[in-house]
């Protein structure tokens, strides 16, 4: 056994350090698994509260799987939610499925995953019903969520705030201004977050754009039993653990980002909403708040 000139057992010391590191990692893994169990238990309780039938079926069958991406190589499914790291995760999915030889998701141009997403969609694959059900029951499934109001504000700022002249998003801006004029909520053509919230509060289920559609209408978390519920606040660790769980390549990692500024901007935008607007907005996203244990800004419901 090798010793240093001072008679210290170097091999033994390294072994102790390694064992200490292993213990620390086991503890982190245990805490992560406990947190996952807590999230899934809270979700199941919320689902039972809304309706026992909500946990039994997808109301529109295969059509409800349109936001699920499939990776048959690693036997994994991922429900992408716009404004919750979906561009990055679609890029990761391209790497997992072998659609690209690029190794780093940040090296994939941001528009590419959205152009190719249809090729990865579970609902677009030529599977019969029994094969689909088998994949839903046996594949490792990932869902990523964030605070519903932060996601809503992120969609507003990214797509609409300066989108009046945009070919696609400008249509929504004009539609929202028209709605507010018609209902006496705004006499001018100014487009604001408050006007956007009035519009969102008026929507019924079929009319939500995917960027502000509630989670339970995108990913059906009561009917689909997700194995990993990742949160924006713990996304790096949650993502890494999911990748290791499905046996992803050792050199594939969730990239590091600067923290989002949306959370710090939320108070400023919410301050311009009336109590009635906040109350109605909470009703739109109430299930998302309850299912994933978020608290509405300001506590107003």
C-alpha atoms as a PDB file:
ATOM      1  CA  UNK A   1       0.000   0.000   0.000  1.00  0.00           C
ATOM      2  CA  UNK A   2       1.545   3.316  -1.121  1.00  0.00           C
ATOM      3  CA  UNK A   3       2.611   5.862   1.505  1.00  0.00           C
ATOM      4  CA  UNK A   4       3.797   9.459   1.349  1.00  0.00           C
ATOM      5  CA  UNK A   5       7.138  10.535   2.771  1.00  0.00           C
ATOM      6  CA  UNK A   6       5.279  11.480   5.974  1.00  0.00           C
ATOM      7  CA  UNK A   7       3.933   7.957   6.362  1.00  0.00           C
ATOM      8  CA  UNK A   8       0.389   8.905   5.340  1.00  0.00           C
ATOM      9  CA  UNK A   9      -1.513   6.164   3.528  1.00  0.00           C
ATOM     10  CA  UNK A  10      -2.405   7.956   0.295  1.00  0.00           C
ATOM     11  CA  UNK A  11      -4.443   5.122  -1.202  1.00  0.00           C
ATOM     12  CA  UNK A  12      -6.551   4.813   1.939  1.00  0.00           C
ATOM     13  CA  UNK A  13      -7.101   8.560   2.086  1.00  0.00           C
ATOM     14  CA  UNK A  14      -8.314   8.650  -1.524  1.00  0.00           C
ATOM     15  CA  UNK A  15     -10.604   5.715  -0.856  1.00  0.00           C
ATOM     16  CA  UNK A  16     -12.135   7.496   2.135  1.00  0.00           C
ATOM     17  CA  UNK A  17     -12.670  10.629   0.044  1.00  0.00           C
ATOM     18  CA  UNK A  18     -14.314   8.552  -2.697  1.00  0.00           C
ATOM     19  CA  UNK A  19     -16.558   6.797  -0.195  1.00  0.00           C
ATOM     20  CA  UNK A  20     -17.481  10.136   1.338  1.00  0.00           C
ATOM     21  CA  UNK A  21     -18.367  11.441  -2.133  1.00  0.00           C
ATOM     22  CA  UNK A  22     -20.453   8.337  -2.840  1.00  0.00           C
ATOM     23  CA  UNK A  23     -22.342   8.818   0.418  1.00  0.00           C
ATOM     24  CA  UNK A  24     -23.050  12.459  -0.429  1.00  0.00           C
ATOM     25  CA  UNK A  25     -24.348  11.499  -3.876  1.00  0.00           C
ATOM     26  CA  UNK A  26     -26.542   8.773  -2.407  1.00  0.00           C
ATOM     27  CA  UNK A  27     -28.007  11.322  -0.010  1.00  0.00           C
ATOM     28  CA  UNK A  28     -28.675  13.769  -2.868  1.00  0.00           C
ATOM     29  CA  UNK A  29     -30.320  10.998  -4.867  1.00  0.00           C
ATOM     30  CA  UNK A  30     -32.433   9.988  -1.890  1.00  0.00           C
ATOM     31  CA  UNK A  31     -33.576  13.588  -1.349  1.00  0.00           C
ATOM     32  CA  UNK A  32     -34.365  13.961  -5.061  1.00  0.00           C
ATOM     33  CA  UNK A  33     -36.416  10.754  -5.094  1.00  0.00           C
ATOM     34  CA  UNK A  34     -38.264  11.903  -1.971  1.00  0.00           C
ATOM     35  CA  UNK A  35     -39.074  15.224  -3.642  1.00  0.00           C
ATOM     36  CA  UNK A  36     -40.285  13.429  -6.764  1.00  0.00           C
ATOM     37  CA  UNK A  37     -42.564  11.279  -4.650  1.00  0.00           C
ATOM     38  CA  UNK A  38     -43.899  14.363  -2.887  1.00  0.00           C
ATOM     39  CA  UNK A  39     -44.668  16.057  -6.216  1.00  0.00           C
ATOM     40  CA  UNK A  40     -46.435  12.983  -7.598  1.00  0.00           C
ATOM     41  CA  UNK A  41     -48.460  12.495  -4.419  1.00  0.00           C
ATOM     42  CA  UNK A  42     -49.606  16.136  -4.514  1.00  0.00           C
ATOM     43  CA  UNK A  43     -50.593  15.715  -8.161  1.00  0.00           C
ATOM     44  CA  UNK A  44     -52.606  12.548  -7.472  1.00  0.00           C
ATOM     45  CA  UNK A  45     -54.409  14.238  -4.584  1.00  0.00           C
ATOM     46  CA  UNK A  46     -55.310  17.207  -6.785  1.00  0.00           C
ATOM     47  CA  UNK A  47     -56.560  14.891  -9.538  1.00  0.00           C
ATOM     48  CA  UNK A  48     -58.805  12.997  -7.134  1.00  0.00           C
ATOM     49  CA  UNK A  49     -60.146  16.304  -5.830  1.00  0.00           C
ATOM     50  CA  UNK A  50     -61.234  17.471  -9.286  1.00  0.00           C
ATOM     51  CA  UNK A  51     -62.751  14.248 -10.539  1.00  0.00           C
ATOM     52  CA  UNK A  52     -62.049  10.548 -10.043  1.00  0.00           C
ATOM     53  CA  UNK A  53     -62.629  10.064 -13.774  1.00  0.00           C
ATOM     54  CA  UNK A  54     -59.842  12.533 -14.587  1.00  0.00           C
ATOM     55  CA  UNK A  55     -57.305   9.851 -13.671  1.00  0.00           C
ATOM     56  CA  UNK A  56     -58.761   7.220 -15.965  1.00  0.00           C
ATOM     57  CA  UNK A  57     -58.707   8.368 -19.579  1.00  0.00           C
ATOM     58  CA  UNK A  58     -57.719  10.913 -22.229  1.00  0.00           C
ATOM     59  CA  UNK A  59     -60.940  12.672 -23.299  1.00  0.00           C
ATOM     60  CA  UNK A  60     -59.941  12.965 -26.963  1.00  0.00           C
ATOM     61  CA  UNK A  61     -57.832   9.842 -27.301  1.00  0.00           C
ATOM     62  CA  UNK A  62     -54.789  10.100 -29.577  1.00  0.00           C
ATOM     63  CA  UNK A  63     -55.404  13.820 -30.172  1.00  0.00           C
ATOM     64  CA  UNK A  64     -54.438  14.460 -26.545  1.00  0.00           C
ATOM     65  CA  UNK A  65     -50.948  13.055 -27.186  1.00  0.00           C
ATOM     66  CA  UNK A  66     -49.944  15.805 -29.621  1.00  0.00           C
ATOM     67  CA  UNK A  67     -47.496  17.402 -27.157  1.00  0.00           C
ATOM     68  CA  UNK A  68     -45.738  14.139 -26.294  1.00  0.00           C
ATOM     69  CA  UNK A  69     -42.400  13.418 -27.960  1.00  0.00           C
ATOM     70  CA  UNK A  70     -41.233   9.809 -28.154  1.00  0.00           C
ATOM     71  CA  UNK A  71     -37.721   8.358 -28.009  1.00  0.00           C
ATOM     72  CA  UNK A  72     -37.845   4.635 -28.769  1.00  0.00           C
ATOM     73  CA  UNK A  73     -34.074   4.306 -28.366  1.00  0.00           C
ATOM     74  CA  UNK A  74     -34.241   5.121 -24.661  1.00  0.00           C
ATOM     75  CA  UNK A  75     -37.901   4.183 -24.122  1.00  0.00           C
ATOM     76  CA  UNK A  76     -38.794   7.686 -23.029  1.00  0.00           C
ATOM     77  CA  UNK A  77     -41.597  10.218 -23.494  1.00  0.00           C
ATOM     78  CA  UNK A  78     -41.505  13.981 -22.902  1.00  0.00           C
ATOM     79  CA  UNK A  79     -44.459  16.368 -22.868  1.00  0.00           C
ATOM     80  CA  UNK A  80     -43.242  19.722 -24.145  1.00  0.00           C
ATOM     81  CA  UNK A  81     -44.801  22.840 -22.630  1.00  0.00           C
ATOM     82  CA  UNK A  82     -44.149  26.121 -24.477  1.00  0.00           C
ATOM     83  CA  UNK A  83     -42.252  28.656 -22.332  1.00  0.00           C
ATOM     84  CA  UNK A  84     -40.887  25.937 -20.043  1.00  0.00           C
ATOM     85  CA  UNK A  85     -37.500  25.186 -21.623  1.00  0.00           C
ATOM     86  CA  UNK A  86     -39.176  23.412 -24.528  1.00  0.00           C
ATOM     87  CA  UNK A  87     -36.707  24.598 -27.207  1.00  0.00           C
ATOM     88  CA  UNK A  88     -33.766  23.236 -25.236  1.00  0.00           C
ATOM     89  CA  UNK A  89     -35.518  19.971 -24.495  1.00  0.00           C
ATOM     90  CA  UNK A  90     -36.633  19.501 -28.101  1.00  0.00           C
ATOM     91  CA  UNK A  91     -32.966  19.950 -29.039  1.00  0.00           C
ATOM     92  CA  UNK A  92     -31.994  17.328 -26.466  1.00  0.00           C
ATOM     93  CA  UNK A  93     -34.683  15.037 -27.892  1.00  0.00           C
ATOM     94  CA  UNK A  94     -33.203  15.397 -31.375  1.00  0.00           C
ATOM     95  CA  UNK A  95     -29.885  14.174 -29.984  1.00  0.00           C
ATOM     96  CA  UNK A  96     -31.488  11.327 -28.028  1.00  0.00           C
ATOM     97  CA  UNK A  97     -33.431  10.066 -31.043  1.00  0.00           C
ATOM     98  CA  UNK A  98     -30.478  10.313 -33.428  1.00  0.00           C
ATOM     99  CA  UNK A  99     -32.048  13.014 -35.600  1.00  0.00           C
ATOM    100  CA  UNK A 100     -28.770  14.939 -35.424  1.00  0.00           C
ATOM    101  CA  UNK A 101     -25.094  14.141 -34.888  1.00  0.00           C
ATOM    102  CA  UNK A 102     -24.629  17.379 -32.933  1.00  0.00           C
ATOM    103  CA  UNK A 103     -23.661  16.606 -29.339  1.00  0.00           C
ATOM    104  CA  UNK A 104     -24.403  19.927 -27.616  1.00  0.00           C
ATOM    105  CA  UNK A 105     -28.050  21.109 -27.637  1.00  0.00           C
ATOM    106  CA  UNK A 106     -26.874  24.735 -27.631  1.00  0.00           C
ATOM    107  CA  UNK A 107     -25.231  24.156 -31.021  1.00  0.00           C
ATOM    108  CA  UNK A 108     -28.621  23.415 -32.607  1.00  0.00           C
ATOM    109  CA  UNK A 109     -30.212  26.555 -34.047  1.00  0.00           C
ATOM    110  CA  UNK A 110     -33.306  27.441 -31.945  1.00  0.00           C
ATOM    111  CA  UNK A 111     -35.807  27.244 -34.819  1.00  0.00           C
ATOM    112  CA  UNK A 112     -34.729  23.763 -35.965  1.00  0.00           C
ATOM    113  CA  UNK A 113     -36.359  21.656 -33.186  1.00  0.00           C
ATOM    114  CA  UNK A 114     -39.714  23.348 -33.793  1.00  0.00           C
ATOM    115  CA  UNK A 115     -39.518  22.582 -37.511  1.00  0.00           C
ATOM    116  CA  UNK A 116     -38.733  18.923 -36.845  1.00  0.00           C
ATOM    117  CA  UNK A 117     -40.907  18.309 -33.788  1.00  0.00           C
ATOM    118  CA  UNK A 118     -43.641  16.573 -35.775  1.00  0.00           C
ATOM    119  CA  UNK A 119     -41.219  13.753 -36.616  1.00  0.00           C
ATOM    120  CA  UNK A 120     -40.761  13.149 -32.879  1.00  0.00           C
ATOM    121  CA  UNK A 121     -44.433  13.392 -31.847  1.00  0.00           C
ATOM    122  CA  UNK A 122     -45.928  10.239 -30.396  1.00  0.00           C
ATOM    123  CA  UNK A 123     -49.301  10.956 -32.012  1.00  0.00           C
ATOM    124  CA  UNK A 124     -47.718  11.185 -35.476  1.00  0.00           C
ATOM    125  CA  UNK A 125     -46.073   7.749 -35.318  1.00  0.00           C
ATOM    126  CA  UNK A 126     -47.717   4.781 -37.115  1.00  0.00           C
ATOM    127  CA  UNK A 127     -48.530   2.972 -33.874  1.00  0.00           C
ATOM    128  CA  UNK A 128     -51.808   1.173 -33.289  1.00  0.00           C
ATOM    129  CA  UNK A 129     -53.760   1.720 -30.074  1.00  0.00           C
ATOM    130  CA  UNK A 130     -52.249  -1.208 -28.176  1.00  0.00           C
ATOM    131  CA  UNK A 131     -48.687  -0.093 -29.007  1.00  0.00           C
ATOM    132  CA  UNK A 132     -49.491   3.468 -27.924  1.00  0.00           C
ATOM    133  CA  UNK A 133     -50.935   2.245 -24.635  1.00  0.00           C
ATOM    134  CA  UNK A 134     -47.879   0.062 -24.039  1.00  0.00           C
ATOM    135  CA  UNK A 135     -45.521   3.002 -24.536  1.00  0.00           C
ATOM    136  CA  UNK A 136     -47.613   5.223 -22.267  1.00  0.00           C
ATOM    137  CA  UNK A 137     -47.551   2.554 -19.568  1.00  0.00           C
ATOM    138  CA  UNK A 138     -43.926   1.405 -19.805  1.00  0.00           C
ATOM    139  CA  UNK A 139     -41.778   4.280 -21.098  1.00  0.00           C
ATOM    140  CA  UNK A 140     -40.113   6.733 -18.685  1.00  0.00           C
ATOM    141  CA  UNK A 141     -42.137   9.939 -18.918  1.00  0.00           C
ATOM    142  CA  UNK A 142     -41.005  13.531 -18.265  1.00  0.00           C
ATOM    143  CA  UNK A 143     -43.111  16.623 -17.552  1.00  0.00           C
ATOM    144  CA  UNK A 144     -41.586  20.055 -16.843  1.00  0.00           C
ATOM    145  CA  UNK A 145     -43.591  22.850 -15.186  1.00  0.00           C
ATOM    146  CA  UNK A 146     -43.050  26.336 -13.779  1.00  0.00           C
ATOM    147  CA  UNK A 147     -45.112  28.915 -11.902  1.00  0.00           C
ATOM    148  CA  UNK A 148     -48.209  29.427 -14.110  1.00  0.00           C
ATOM    149  CA  UNK A 149     -48.092  33.224 -13.888  1.00  0.00           C
ATOM    150  CA  UNK A 150     -44.377  33.326 -14.720  1.00  0.00           C
ATOM    151  CA  UNK A 151     -45.051  31.170 -17.759  1.00  0.00           C
ATOM    152  CA  UNK A 152     -47.925  33.452 -18.814  1.00  0.00           C
ATOM    153  CA  UNK A 153     -45.768  36.571 -18.446  1.00  0.00           C
ATOM    154  CA  UNK A 154     -42.929  34.902 -20.341  1.00  0.00           C
ATOM    155  CA  UNK A 155     -45.305  34.177 -23.237  1.00  0.00           C
ATOM    156  CA  UNK A 156     -46.586  37.760 -23.189  1.00  0.00           C
ATOM    157  CA  UNK A 157     -43.122  39.328 -23.182  1.00  0.00           C
ATOM    158  CA  UNK A 158     -41.616  36.946 -25.718  1.00  0.00           C
ATOM    159  CA  UNK A 159     -44.479  36.709 -28.190  1.00  0.00           C
ATOM    160  CA  UNK A 160     -46.839  39.654 -27.766  1.00  0.00           C
ATOM    161  CA  UNK A 161     -45.423  42.680 -25.950  1.00  0.00           C
ATOM    162  CA  UNK A 162     -43.622  43.925 -29.056  1.00  0.00           C
ATOM    163  CA  UNK A 163     -45.387  41.686 -31.568  1.00  0.00           C
ATOM    164  CA  UNK A 164     -47.893  44.122 -33.061  1.00  0.00           C
ATOM    165  CA  UNK A 165     -46.194  44.052 -36.467  1.00  0.00           C
ATOM    166  CA  UNK A 166     -45.259  40.365 -36.375  1.00  0.00           C
ATOM    167  CA  UNK A 167     -46.914  38.325 -39.145  1.00  0.00           C
ATOM    168  CA  UNK A 168     -48.242  35.619 -36.798  1.00  0.00           C
ATOM    169  CA  UNK A 169     -48.339  37.154 -33.308  1.00  0.00           C
ATOM    170  CA  UNK A 170     -49.654  40.478 -34.591  1.00  0.00           C
ATOM    171  CA  UNK A 171     -52.923  38.678 -35.295  1.00  0.00           C
ATOM    172  CA  UNK A 172     -53.266  37.903 -31.577  1.00  0.00           C
ATOM    173  CA  UNK A 173     -52.391  41.467 -30.586  1.00  0.00           C
ATOM    174  CA  UNK A 174     -55.118  42.851 -32.865  1.00  0.00           C
ATOM    175  CA  UNK A 175     -57.585  40.235 -31.638  1.00  0.00           C
ATOM    176  CA  UNK A 176     -56.874  41.123 -28.001  1.00  0.00           C
ATOM    177  CA  UNK A 177     -57.228  44.869 -28.608  1.00  0.00           C
ATOM    178  CA  UNK A 178     -60.516  44.219 -30.424  1.00  0.00           C
ATOM    179  CA  UNK A 179     -61.792  42.085 -27.533  1.00  0.00           C
ATOM    180  CA  UNK A 180     -60.996  44.783 -24.956  1.00  0.00           C
ATOM    181  CA  UNK A 181     -62.671  47.487 -27.035  1.00  0.00           C
ATOM    182  CA  UNK A 182     -65.791  45.381 -27.518  1.00  0.00           C
ATOM    183  CA  UNK A 183     -66.126  44.661 -23.809  1.00  0.00           C
ATOM    184  CA  UNK A 184     -65.364  48.182 -22.630  1.00  0.00           C
ATOM    185  CA  UNK A 185     -62.040  47.233 -21.071  1.00  0.00           C
ATOM    186  CA  UNK A 186     -60.009  49.663 -23.130  1.00  0.00           C
ATOM    187  CA  UNK A 187     -60.985  52.572 -25.328  1.00  0.00           C
ATOM    188  CA  UNK A 188     -57.646  52.967 -27.103  1.00  0.00           C
ATOM    189  CA  UNK A 189     -55.382  50.760 -29.169  1.00  0.00           C
ATOM    190  CA  UNK A 190     -52.737  50.360 -26.475  1.00  0.00           C
ATOM    191  CA  UNK A 191     -51.734  46.760 -25.929  1.00  0.00           C
ATOM    192  CA  UNK A 192     -50.887  45.915 -22.307  1.00  0.00           C
ATOM    193  CA  UNK A 193     -50.473  42.930 -20.024  1.00  0.00           C
ATOM    194  CA  UNK A 194     -53.796  43.882 -18.437  1.00  0.00           C
ATOM    195  CA  UNK A 195     -55.496  43.702 -21.854  1.00  0.00           C
ATOM    196  CA  UNK A 196     -53.863  40.324 -22.456  1.00  0.00           C
ATOM    197  CA  UNK A 197     -55.130  39.016 -19.101  1.00  0.00           C
ATOM    198  CA  UNK A 198     -58.677  40.170 -19.911  1.00  0.00           C
ATOM    199  CA  UNK A 199     -58.461  38.153 -23.106  1.00  0.00           C
ATOM    200  CA  UNK A 200     -57.038  35.039 -21.402  1.00  0.00           C
ATOM    201  CA  UNK A 201     -59.734  35.221 -18.717  1.00  0.00           C
ATOM    202  CA  UNK A 202     -62.405  35.104 -21.428  1.00  0.00           C
ATOM    203  CA  UNK A 203     -61.124  31.974 -23.181  1.00  0.00           C
ATOM    204  CA  UNK A 204     -62.708  28.550 -23.144  1.00  0.00           C
ATOM    205  CA  UNK A 205     -60.685  25.355 -23.487  1.00  0.00           C
ATOM    206  CA  UNK A 206     -60.536  24.931 -27.295  1.00  0.00           C
ATOM    207  CA  UNK A 207     -59.398  28.520 -27.865  1.00  0.00           C
ATOM    208  CA  UNK A 208     -56.175  28.625 -25.855  1.00  0.00           C
ATOM    209  CA  UNK A 209     -52.972  29.095 -27.790  1.00  0.00           C
ATOM    210  CA  UNK A 210     -50.464  26.476 -26.630  1.00  0.00           C
ATOM    211  CA  UNK A 211     -48.201  29.176 -25.163  1.00  0.00           C
ATOM    212  CA  UNK A 212     -50.736  30.014 -22.458  1.00  0.00           C
ATOM    213  CA  UNK A 213     -52.848  26.859 -22.399  1.00  0.00           C
ATOM    214  CA  UNK A 214     -52.954  25.335 -18.868  1.00  0.00           C
ATOM    215  CA  UNK A 215     -50.807  22.260 -18.193  1.00  0.00           C
ATOM    216  CA  UNK A 216     -53.769  19.994 -17.631  1.00  0.00           C
ATOM    217  CA  UNK A 217     -54.963  20.753 -21.189  1.00  0.00           C
ATOM    218  CA  UNK A 218     -51.527  20.158 -22.716  1.00  0.00           C
ATOM    219  CA  UNK A 219     -50.072  17.140 -20.936  1.00  0.00           C
ATOM    220  CA  UNK A 220     -53.044  15.568 -19.115  1.00  0.00           C
ATOM    221  CA  UNK A 221     -51.064  14.789 -15.944  1.00  0.00           C
ATOM    222  CA  UNK A 222     -54.044  13.117 -14.292  1.00  0.00           C
ATOM    223  CA  UNK A 223     -54.416  10.514 -17.039  1.00  0.00           C
ATOM    224  CA  UNK A 224     -50.722  10.089 -17.900  1.00  0.00           C
ATOM    225  CA  UNK A 225     -48.557   8.932 -14.998  1.00  0.00           C
ATOM    226  CA  UNK A 226     -45.331  10.918 -15.366  1.00  0.00           C
ATOM    227  CA  UNK A 227     -42.256   9.309 -13.815  1.00  0.00           C
ATOM    228  CA  UNK A 228     -40.359  12.578 -13.415  1.00  0.00           C
ATOM    229  CA  UNK A 229     -42.017  15.912 -12.655  1.00  0.00           C
ATOM    230  CA  UNK A 230     -39.337  18.523 -13.208  1.00  0.00           C
ATOM    231  CA  UNK A 231     -39.713  22.123 -12.118  1.00  0.00           C
ATOM    232  CA  UNK A 232     -38.178  25.246 -13.606  1.00  0.00           C
ATOM    233  CA  UNK A 233     -36.745  26.090 -10.195  1.00  0.00           C
ATOM    234  CA  UNK A 234     -34.772  22.797 -10.022  1.00  0.00           C
ATOM    235  CA  UNK A 235     -34.483  22.164 -13.743  1.00  0.00           C
ATOM    236  CA  UNK A 236     -30.759  21.495 -14.052  1.00  0.00           C
ATOM    237  CA  UNK A 237     -30.736  18.758 -11.414  1.00  0.00           C
ATOM    238  CA  UNK A 238     -34.090  17.307 -12.493  1.00  0.00           C
ATOM    239  CA  UNK A 239     -32.963  17.209 -16.130  1.00  0.00           C
ATOM    240  CA  UNK A 240     -29.616  15.602 -15.376  1.00  0.00           C
ATOM    241  CA  UNK A 241     -31.253  12.893 -13.292  1.00  0.00           C
ATOM    242  CA  UNK A 242     -33.836  12.164 -15.973  1.00  0.00           C
ATOM    243  CA  UNK A 243     -31.100  11.847 -18.612  1.00  0.00           C
ATOM    244  CA  UNK A 244     -29.154   9.412 -16.442  1.00  0.00           C
ATOM    245  CA  UNK A 245     -32.361   7.537 -15.602  1.00  0.00           C
ATOM    246  CA  UNK A 246     -33.094   6.761 -19.258  1.00  0.00           C
ATOM    247  CA  UNK A 247     -29.481   5.875 -20.066  1.00  0.00           C
ATOM    248  CA  UNK A 248     -28.692   8.933 -22.182  1.00  0.00           C
ATOM    249  CA  UNK A 249     -25.118   9.300 -23.517  1.00  0.00           C
ATOM    250  CA  UNK A 250     -22.694  10.304 -20.773  1.00  0.00           C
ATOM    251  CA  UNK A 251     -21.683  13.426 -22.696  1.00  0.00           C
ATOM    252  CA  UNK A 252     -25.258  14.695 -23.073  1.00  0.00           C
ATOM    253  CA  UNK A 253     -26.180  17.223 -20.393  1.00  0.00           C
ATOM    254  CA  UNK A 254     -28.783  19.885 -19.782  1.00  0.00           C
ATOM    255  CA  UNK A 255     -26.961  23.171 -20.529  1.00  0.00           C
ATOM    256  CA  UNK A 256     -26.426  25.854 -17.914  1.00  0.00           C
ATOM    257  CA  UNK A 257     -28.301  29.131 -18.336  1.00  0.00           C
ATOM    258  CA  UNK A 258     -28.432  32.471 -16.611  1.00  0.00           C
ATOM    259  CA  UNK A 259     -31.496  32.647 -14.328  1.00  0.00           C
ATOM    260  CA  UNK A 260     -34.677  33.906 -15.973  1.00  0.00           C
ATOM    261  CA  UNK A 261     -35.625  37.515 -15.192  1.00  0.00           C
ATOM    262  CA  UNK A 262     -39.342  36.810 -15.508  1.00  0.00           C
ATOM    263  CA  UNK A 263     -39.851  36.032 -11.817  1.00  0.00           C
ATOM    264  CA  UNK A 264     -38.366  39.381 -10.790  1.00  0.00           C
ATOM    265  CA  UNK A 265     -40.594  41.221 -13.295  1.00  0.00           C
ATOM    266  CA  UNK A 266     -43.814  39.508 -12.237  1.00  0.00           C
ATOM    267  CA  UNK A 267     -44.668  41.909  -9.346  1.00  0.00           C
ATOM    268  CA  UNK A 268     -44.408  44.896 -11.698  1.00  0.00           C
ATOM    269  CA  UNK A 269     -46.853  43.412 -14.205  1.00  0.00           C
ATOM    270  CA  UNK A 270     -49.253  41.931 -11.657  1.00  0.00           C
ATOM    271  CA  UNK A 271     -49.487  45.303  -9.896  1.00  0.00           C
ATOM    272  CA  UNK A 272     -51.379  46.637 -12.921  1.00  0.00           C
ATOM    273  CA  UNK A 273     -54.163  44.060 -12.545  1.00  0.00           C
ATOM    274  CA  UNK A 274     -57.319  44.638 -10.541  1.00  0.00           C
ATOM    275  CA  UNK A 275     -58.364  42.240  -7.804  1.00  0.00           C
ATOM    276  CA  UNK A 276     -61.141  40.959 -10.083  1.00  0.00           C
ATOM    277  CA  UNK A 277     -58.653  40.284 -12.887  1.00  0.00           C
ATOM    278  CA  UNK A 278     -56.395  38.354 -10.513  1.00  0.00           C
ATOM    279  CA  UNK A 279     -59.327  36.357  -9.200  1.00  0.00           C
ATOM    280  CA  UNK A 280     -60.453  35.386 -12.704  1.00  0.00           C
ATOM    281  CA  UNK A 281     -56.894  34.616 -13.800  1.00  0.00           C
ATOM    282  CA  UNK A 282     -56.431  32.275 -10.868  1.00  0.00           C
ATOM    283  CA  UNK A 283     -59.562  30.395 -11.903  1.00  0.00           C
ATOM    284  CA  UNK A 284     -58.015  29.825 -15.336  1.00  0.00           C
ATOM    285  CA  UNK A 285     -54.852  28.304 -13.859  1.00  0.00           C
ATOM    286  CA  UNK A 286     -56.217  27.003 -10.557  1.00  0.00           C
ATOM    287  CA  UNK A 287     -55.645  23.358 -11.431  1.00  0.00           C
ATOM    288  CA  UNK A 288     -52.046  24.051 -12.401  1.00  0.00           C
ATOM    289  CA  UNK A 289     -51.393  25.864  -9.124  1.00  0.00           C
ATOM    290  CA  UNK A 290     -52.932  23.073  -7.065  1.00  0.00           C
ATOM    291  CA  UNK A 291     -51.455  20.157  -8.997  1.00  0.00           C
ATOM    292  CA  UNK A 292     -47.878  21.423  -8.855  1.00  0.00           C
ATOM    293  CA  UNK A 293     -47.950  23.226  -5.510  1.00  0.00           C
ATOM    294  CA  UNK A 294     -47.399  26.782  -6.637  1.00  0.00           C
ATOM    295  CA  UNK A 295     -48.831  29.770  -4.814  1.00  0.00           C
ATOM    296  CA  UNK A 296     -50.438  32.595  -6.824  1.00  0.00           C
ATOM    297  CA  UNK A 297     -48.599  35.911  -6.665  1.00  0.00           C
ATOM    298  CA  UNK A 298     -49.884  38.056  -3.828  1.00  0.00           C
ATOM    299  CA  UNK A 299     -52.041  35.234  -2.495  1.00  0.00           C
ATOM    300  CA  UNK A 300     -55.094  36.603  -4.299  1.00  0.00           C
ATOM    301  CA  UNK A 301     -57.388  33.908  -5.632  1.00  0.00           C
END
